[in-house]
Amino acid sequence: MKQTTVRLPTELAEAAEAAARANGTSVNQFIIDALASEIQRLRENDEFQARLRRLVEDNKAILDRLAQ
Protein backbone atom coordinates (compact mmCIF):
# COMPACT_ATOMS: atom_id res chain seq x y z
CA MET A 1 0.00 0.00 0.00
CA LYS A 2 1.27 3.48 -0.85
CA GLN A 3 1.10 6.28 1.70
CA THR A 4 0.07 9.74 0.47
CA THR A 5 -0.39 13.01 2.30
CA VAL A 6 -3.44 15.03 1.32
CA ARG A 7 -4.09 18.59 2.44
CA LEU A 8 -7.79 19.28 2.90
CA PRO A 9 -9.56 22.54 3.63
CA THR A 10 -10.66 22.50 7.28
CA GLU A 11 -14.35 22.42 6.44
CA LEU A 12 -13.93 19.46 4.08
CA ALA A 13 -11.78 17.57 6.61
CA GLU A 14 -14.39 18.12 9.30
CA ALA A 15 -17.16 16.96 6.98
CA ALA A 16 -15.13 13.84 6.08
CA GLU A 17 -14.56 13.11 9.78
CA ALA A 18 -18.27 13.46 10.55
CA ALA A 19 -19.32 11.37 7.56
CA ALA A 20 -16.81 8.65 8.41
CA ARG A 21 -18.03 8.52 12.01
CA ALA A 22 -21.66 8.33 10.86
CA ASN A 23 -20.68 5.60 8.39
CA GLY A 24 -18.79 3.66 11.07
CA THR A 25 -15.46 3.84 9.26
CA SER A 26 -12.16 5.61 9.66
CA VAL A 27 -11.49 8.81 7.77
CA ASN A 28 -8.81 6.92 5.86
CA GLN A 29 -11.31 4.26 4.72
CA PHE A 30 -13.91 6.91 3.95
CA ILE A 31 -11.46 8.71 1.66
CA ILE A 32 -10.38 5.43 0.02
CA ASP A 33 -14.02 4.54 -0.68
CA ALA A 34 -14.82 8.02 -2.01
CA LEU A 35 -11.78 8.04 -4.28
CA ALA A 36 -12.52 4.54 -5.58
CA SER A 37 -16.10 5.57 -6.29
CA GLU A 38 -15.00 8.69 -8.19
CA ILE A 39 -12.46 6.73 -10.25
CA GLN A 40 -15.15 4.18 -11.17
CA ARG A 41 -17.52 7.01 -12.13
CA LEU A 42 -14.85 8.49 -14.40
CA ARG A 43 -14.16 5.10 -16.00
CA GLU A 44 -17.84 4.97 -16.98
CA ASN A 45 -17.91 8.57 -18.28
CA ASP A 46 -17.64 8.80 -22.07
CA GLU A 47 -16.33 12.39 -22.06
CA PHE A 48 -13.59 11.50 -19.61
CA GLN A 49 -12.64 8.45 -21.65
CA ALA A 50 -12.40 10.58 -24.80
CA ARG A 51 -10.14 13.10 -23.01
CA LEU A 52 -8.04 10.23 -21.69
CA ARG A 53 -7.62 8.73 -25.16
CA ARG A 54 -6.57 12.15 -26.55
CA LEU A 55 -4.06 12.55 -23.73
CA VAL A 56 -2.60 9.10 -24.37
CA GLU A 57 -2.33 9.86 -28.10
CA ASP A 58 -0.68 13.24 -27.43
CA ASN A 59 1.81 11.71 -25.02
CA LYS A 60 2.59 8.88 -27.43
CA ALA A 61 3.34 11.41 -30.15
CA ILE A 62 5.68 13.32 -27.84
CA LEU A 63 7.45 10.14 -26.74
CA ASP A 64 7.77 8.98 -30.34
CA ARG A 65 9.47 12.27 -31.24
CA LEU A 66 11.85 11.95 -28.29
CA ALA A 67 12.77 8.42 -29.35
CA GLN A 68 13.96 9.58 -32.79
C-alpha atoms as a PDB file:
ATOM      1  CA  MET A   1       0.000   0.000   0.000  1.00  0.00           C
ATOM      2  CA  LYS A   2       1.269   3.477  -0.849  1.00  0.00           C
ATOM      3  CA  GLN A   3       1.098   6.279   1.696  1.00  0.00           C
ATOM      4  CA  THR A   4       0.067   9.736   0.468  1.00  0.00           C
ATOM      5  CA  THR A   5      -0.387  13.013   2.297  1.00  0.00           C
ATOM      6  CA  VAL A   6      -3.444  15.025   1.323  1.00  0.00           C
ATOM      7  CA  ARG A   7      -4.087  18.586   2.440  1.00  0.00           C
ATOM      8  CA  LEU A   8      -7.790  19.285   2.899  1.00  0.00           C
ATOM      9  CA  PRO A   9      -9.563  22.535   3.633  1.00  0.00           C
ATOM     10  CA  THR A  10     -10.659  22.499   7.283  1.00  0.00           C
ATOM     11  CA  GLU A  11     -14.353  22.423   6.435  1.00  0.00           C
ATOM     12  CA  LEU A  12     -13.929  19.457   4.076  1.00  0.00           C
ATOM     13  CA  ALA A  13     -11.782  17.574   6.606  1.00  0.00           C
ATOM     14  CA  GLU A  14     -14.392  18.120   9.302  1.00  0.00           C
ATOM     15  CA  ALA A  15     -17.162  16.956   6.975  1.00  0.00           C
ATOM     16  CA  ALA A  16     -15.133  13.840   6.084  1.00  0.00           C
ATOM     17  CA  GLU A  17     -14.564  13.107   9.778  1.00  0.00           C
ATOM     18  CA  ALA A  18     -18.270  13.457  10.548  1.00  0.00           C
ATOM     19  CA  ALA A  19     -19.321  11.372   7.556  1.00  0.00           C
ATOM     20  CA  ALA A  20     -16.807   8.649   8.409  1.00  0.00           C
ATOM     21  CA  ARG A  21     -18.031   8.520  12.015  1.00  0.00           C
ATOM     22  CA  ALA A  22     -21.655   8.332  10.857  1.00  0.00           C
ATOM     23  CA  ASN A  23     -20.681   5.599   8.392  1.00  0.00           C
ATOM     24  CA  GLY A  24     -18.792   3.655  11.073  1.00  0.00           C
ATOM     25  CA  THR A  25     -15.462   3.836   9.259  1.00  0.00           C
ATOM     26  CA  SER A  26     -12.164   5.605   9.658  1.00  0.00           C
ATOM     27  CA  VAL A  27     -11.488   8.813   7.767  1.00  0.00           C
ATOM     28  CA  ASN A  28      -8.806   6.916   5.862  1.00  0.00           C
ATOM     29  CA  GLN A  29     -11.305   4.256   4.724  1.00  0.00           C
ATOM     30  CA  PHE A  30     -13.910   6.909   3.949  1.00  0.00           C
ATOM     31  CA  ILE A  31     -11.457   8.714   1.659  1.00  0.00           C
ATOM     32  CA  ILE A  32     -10.380   5.433   0.018  1.00  0.00           C
ATOM     33  CA  ASP A  33     -14.017   4.541  -0.677  1.00  0.00           C
ATOM     34  CA  ALA A  34     -14.821   8.023  -2.007  1.00  0.00           C
ATOM     35  CA  LEU A  35     -11.781   8.038  -4.278  1.00  0.00           C
ATOM     36  CA  ALA A  36     -12.517   4.539  -5.583  1.00  0.00           C
ATOM     37  CA  SER A  37     -16.104   5.573  -6.291  1.00  0.00           C
ATOM     38  CA  GLU A  38     -15.000   8.686  -8.191  1.00  0.00           C
ATOM     39  CA  ILE A  39     -12.462   6.727 -10.255  1.00  0.00           C
ATOM     40  CA  GLN A  40     -15.148   4.183 -11.168  1.00  0.00           C
ATOM     41  CA  ARG A  41     -17.524   7.015 -12.133  1.00  0.00           C
ATOM     42  CA  LEU A  42     -14.849   8.486 -14.404  1.00  0.00           C
ATOM     43  CA  ARG A  43     -14.163   5.099 -15.996  1.00  0.00           C
ATOM     44  CA  GLU A  44     -17.836   4.966 -16.977  1.00  0.00           C
ATOM     45  CA  ASN A  45     -17.908   8.567 -18.277  1.00  0.00           C
ATOM     46  CA  ASP A  46     -17.645   8.795 -22.074  1.00  0.00           C
ATOM     47  CA  GLU A  47     -16.329  12.390 -22.064  1.00  0.00           C
ATOM     48  CA  PHE A  48     -13.587  11.503 -19.606  1.00  0.00           C
ATOM     49  CA  GLN A  49     -12.643   8.452 -21.647  1.00  0.00           C
ATOM     50  CA  ALA A  50     -12.403  10.580 -24.804  1.00  0.00           C
ATOM     51  CA  ARG A  51     -10.135  13.098 -23.009  1.00  0.00           C
ATOM     52  CA  LEU A  52      -8.038  10.231 -21.686  1.00  0.00           C
ATOM     53  CA  ARG A  53      -7.615   8.730 -25.164  1.00  0.00           C
ATOM     54  CA  ARG A  54      -6.568  12.145 -26.549  1.00  0.00           C
ATOM     55  CA  LEU A  55      -4.056  12.549 -23.734  1.00  0.00           C
ATOM     56  CA  VAL A  56      -2.595   9.097 -24.375  1.00  0.00           C
ATOM     57  CA  GLU A  57      -2.330   9.859 -28.104  1.00  0.00           C
ATOM     58  CA  ASP A  58      -0.680  13.238 -27.435  1.00  0.00           C
ATOM     59  CA  ASN A  59       1.811  11.715 -25.016  1.00  0.00           C
ATOM     60  CA  LYS A  60       2.587   8.877 -27.427  1.00  0.00           C
ATOM     61  CA  ALA A  61       3.338  11.412 -30.153  1.00  0.00           C
ATOM     62  CA  ILE A  62       5.684  13.320 -27.841  1.00  0.00           C
ATOM     63  CA  LEU A  63       7.454  10.138 -26.742  1.00  0.00           C
ATOM     64  CA  ASP A  64       7.773   8.976 -30.342  1.00  0.00           C
ATOM     65  CA  ARG A  65       9.466  12.269 -31.244  1.00  0.00           C
ATOM     66  CA  LEU A  66      11.851  11.950 -28.290  1.00  0.00           C
ATOM     67  CA  ALA A  67      12.772   8.422 -29.348  1.00  0.00           C
ATOM     68  CA  GLN A  68      13.956   9.582 -32.792  1.00  0.00           C
END
